[in-house]
C-alpha atoms as a PDB file:
ATOM      1  CA  MET A   1       0.000   0.000   0.000  1.00  0.00           C
ATOM      2  CA  GLN A   2       1.278   3.473  -0.899  1.00  0.00           C
ATOM      3  CA  LYS A   3       2.084   5.994   1.852  1.00  0.00           C
ATOM      4  CA  TRP A   4       0.876   9.587   1.516  1.00  0.00           C
ATOM      5  CA  GLU A   5       1.705  12.815   3.336  1.00  0.00           C
ATOM      6  CA  ILE A   6      -1.112  15.265   3.908  1.00  0.00           C
ATOM      7  CA  THR A   7       0.110  18.751   4.739  1.00  0.00           C
ATOM      8  CA  PHE A   8      -2.358  21.035   6.473  1.00  0.00           C
ATOM      9  CA  VAL A   9      -2.654  24.130   8.642  1.00  0.00           C
ATOM     10  CA  ASP A  10      -4.263  23.416  12.009  1.00  0.00           C
ATOM     11  CA  ASP A  11      -6.547  25.615  14.091  1.00  0.00           C
ATOM     12  CA  HIS A  12      -3.518  27.379  15.633  1.00  0.00           C
ATOM     13  CA  GLY A  13      -2.061  28.325  12.252  1.00  0.00           C
ATOM     14  CA  VAL A  14       0.701  25.733  12.523  1.00  0.00           C
ATOM     15  CA  GLN A  15       1.593  23.759   9.411  1.00  0.00           C
ATOM     16  CA  SER A  16       1.587  20.019  10.151  1.00  0.00           C
ATOM     17  CA  ILE A  17       2.013  16.760   8.273  1.00  0.00           C
ATOM     18  CA  GLU A  18       0.210  13.468   8.843  1.00  0.00           C
ATOM     19  CA  ARG A  19       1.055  10.230   7.044  1.00  0.00           C
ATOM     20  CA  PHE A  20      -1.518   7.703   5.878  1.00  0.00           C
ATOM     21  CA  ASP A  21      -1.604   4.444   3.920  1.00  0.00           C
ATOM     22  CA  CYS A  22      -3.943   4.461   0.917  1.00  0.00           C
ATOM     23  CA  GLU A  23      -3.946   2.342  -2.205  1.00  0.00           C
ATOM     24  CA  HIS A  24      -4.490   5.396  -4.461  1.00  0.00           C
ATOM     25  CA  GLN A  25      -3.826   9.091  -3.956  1.00  0.00           C
ATOM     26  CA  PRO A  26      -6.639  10.452  -1.765  1.00  0.00           C
ATOM     27  CA  ASP A  27      -8.619  13.380  -3.130  1.00  0.00           C
ATOM     28  CA  MET A  28      -9.171  16.448  -0.933  1.00  0.00           C
ATOM     29  CA  GLU A  29     -12.432  15.059   0.529  1.00  0.00           C
ATOM     30  CA  LYS A  30     -10.838  11.716   1.448  1.00  0.00           C
ATOM     31  CA  ALA A  31      -7.823  13.570   2.911  1.00  0.00           C
ATOM     32  CA  ALA A  32     -10.210  15.676   5.011  1.00  0.00           C
ATOM     33  CA  GLN A  33     -11.898  12.495   6.278  1.00  0.00           C
ATOM     34  CA  LEU A  34      -8.519  10.990   7.230  1.00  0.00           C
ATOM     35  CA  ILE A  35      -7.389  14.162   9.013  1.00  0.00           C
ATOM     36  CA  ARG A  36     -10.710  14.532  10.815  1.00  0.00           C
ATOM     37  CA  ALA A  37     -10.602  10.906  12.021  1.00  0.00           C
ATOM     38  CA  LYS A  38      -7.045  11.414  13.320  1.00  0.00           C
ATOM     39  CA  LEU A  39      -7.421  14.845  14.941  1.00  0.00           C
ATOM     40  CA  LEU A  40     -11.106  14.894  15.850  1.00  0.00           C
ATOM     41  CA  PRO A  41     -12.191  11.288  16.476  1.00  0.00           C
ATOM     42  CA  VAL A  42     -15.524  12.128  18.149  1.00  0.00           C
ATOM     43  CA  PRO A  43     -16.783  14.545  15.446  1.00  0.00           C
ATOM     44  CA  ALA A  44     -15.569  12.051  12.825  1.00  0.00           C
ATOM     45  CA  GLU A  45     -18.339   9.727  14.003  1.00  0.00           C
ATOM     46  CA  LEU A  46     -21.051  12.356  13.483  1.00  0.00           C
ATOM     47  CA  ASP A  47     -23.213  12.378  10.379  1.00  0.00           C
ATOM     48  CA  LEU A  48     -22.774  15.346   8.042  1.00  0.00           C
ATOM     49  CA  ASN A  49     -26.234  15.008   6.520  1.00  0.00           C
ATOM     50  CA  ASP A  50     -26.793  18.765   6.846  1.00  0.00           C
ATOM     51  CA  LEU A  51     -24.054  19.241   4.257  1.00  0.00           C
ATOM     52  CA  GLU A  52     -24.064  15.999   2.287  1.00  0.00           C
ATOM     53  CA  GLY A  53     -25.857  16.291  -1.007  1.00  0.00           C
ATOM     54  CA  ARG A  54     -26.041  20.077  -0.762  1.00  0.00           C
ATOM     55  CA  THR A  55     -22.350  20.775  -0.773  1.00  0.00           C
ATOM     56  CA  ASN A  56     -19.393  19.320  -2.626  1.00  0.00           C
ATOM     57  CA  ASP A  57     -16.775  17.922  -0.251  1.00  0.00           C
ATOM     58  CA  PRO A  58     -18.752  18.282   3.013  1.00  0.00           C
ATOM     59  CA  THR A  59     -15.920  17.028   5.238  1.00  0.00           C
ATOM     60  CA  LEU A  60     -13.429  19.439   3.687  1.00  0.00           C
ATOM     61  CA  LYS A  61     -15.875  22.328   4.165  1.00  0.00           C
ATOM     62  CA  SER A  62     -16.648  21.306   7.750  1.00  0.00           C
ATOM     63  CA  LEU A  63     -12.965  21.073   8.696  1.00  0.00           C
ATOM     64  CA  LYS A  64     -12.279  24.535   7.338  1.00  0.00           C
ATOM     65  CA  ASP A  65     -15.432  26.300   8.570  1.00  0.00           C
ATOM     66  CA  GLN A  66     -15.852  24.679  11.977  1.00  0.00           C
ATOM     67  CA  ASN A  67     -12.324  23.640  12.938  1.00  0.00           C
ATOM     68  CA  SER A  68     -10.101  26.100  11.017  1.00  0.00           C
ATOM     69  CA  ILE A  69      -8.133  23.223   9.475  1.00  0.00           C
ATOM     70  CA  GLN A  70      -7.096  23.691   5.864  1.00  0.00           C
ATOM     71  CA  ILE A  71      -5.442  21.012   3.738  1.00  0.00           C
ATOM     72  CA  LEU A  72      -2.558  22.366   1.683  1.00  0.00           C
ATOM     73  CA  SER A  73      -1.236  19.352  -0.207  1.00  0.00           C
ATOM     74  CA  ILE A  74      -1.237  15.595  -0.670  1.00  0.00           C
ATOM     75  CA  SER A  75       2.002  13.984  -1.793  1.00  0.00           C
ATOM     76  CA  PRO A  76       3.408  10.456  -2.044  1.00  0.00           C
ATOM     77  CA  ILE A  77       6.152   9.313   0.300  1.00  0.00           C
ATOM     78  CA  PRO A  78       8.931   7.673  -1.696  1.00  0.00           C
END
C-alpha cells in the first residue's frame, strides 16, 4: 500500500504533516476524512447530513469552517 503525506494548517495556524496508507492518492475530501478521524475522532463519528448532497466535499468544508483546518497538499512518500 502506498504511503501519503497530507500537509495542512491546524486551528492554531501551525503547518503540520500526517502520514496515511492508501492504495491510491486520496482526493481532498478523502484527505479531510482521514485528518478529521485522526485529529477529531468524536466529530468524525457524526453524520454530516446537513451538508451531504447540498455541498461538494462536506468534510473538507466542515474542517475549514468549523475547525479552522485547511489542507494544503497531498504527496506520495517515496
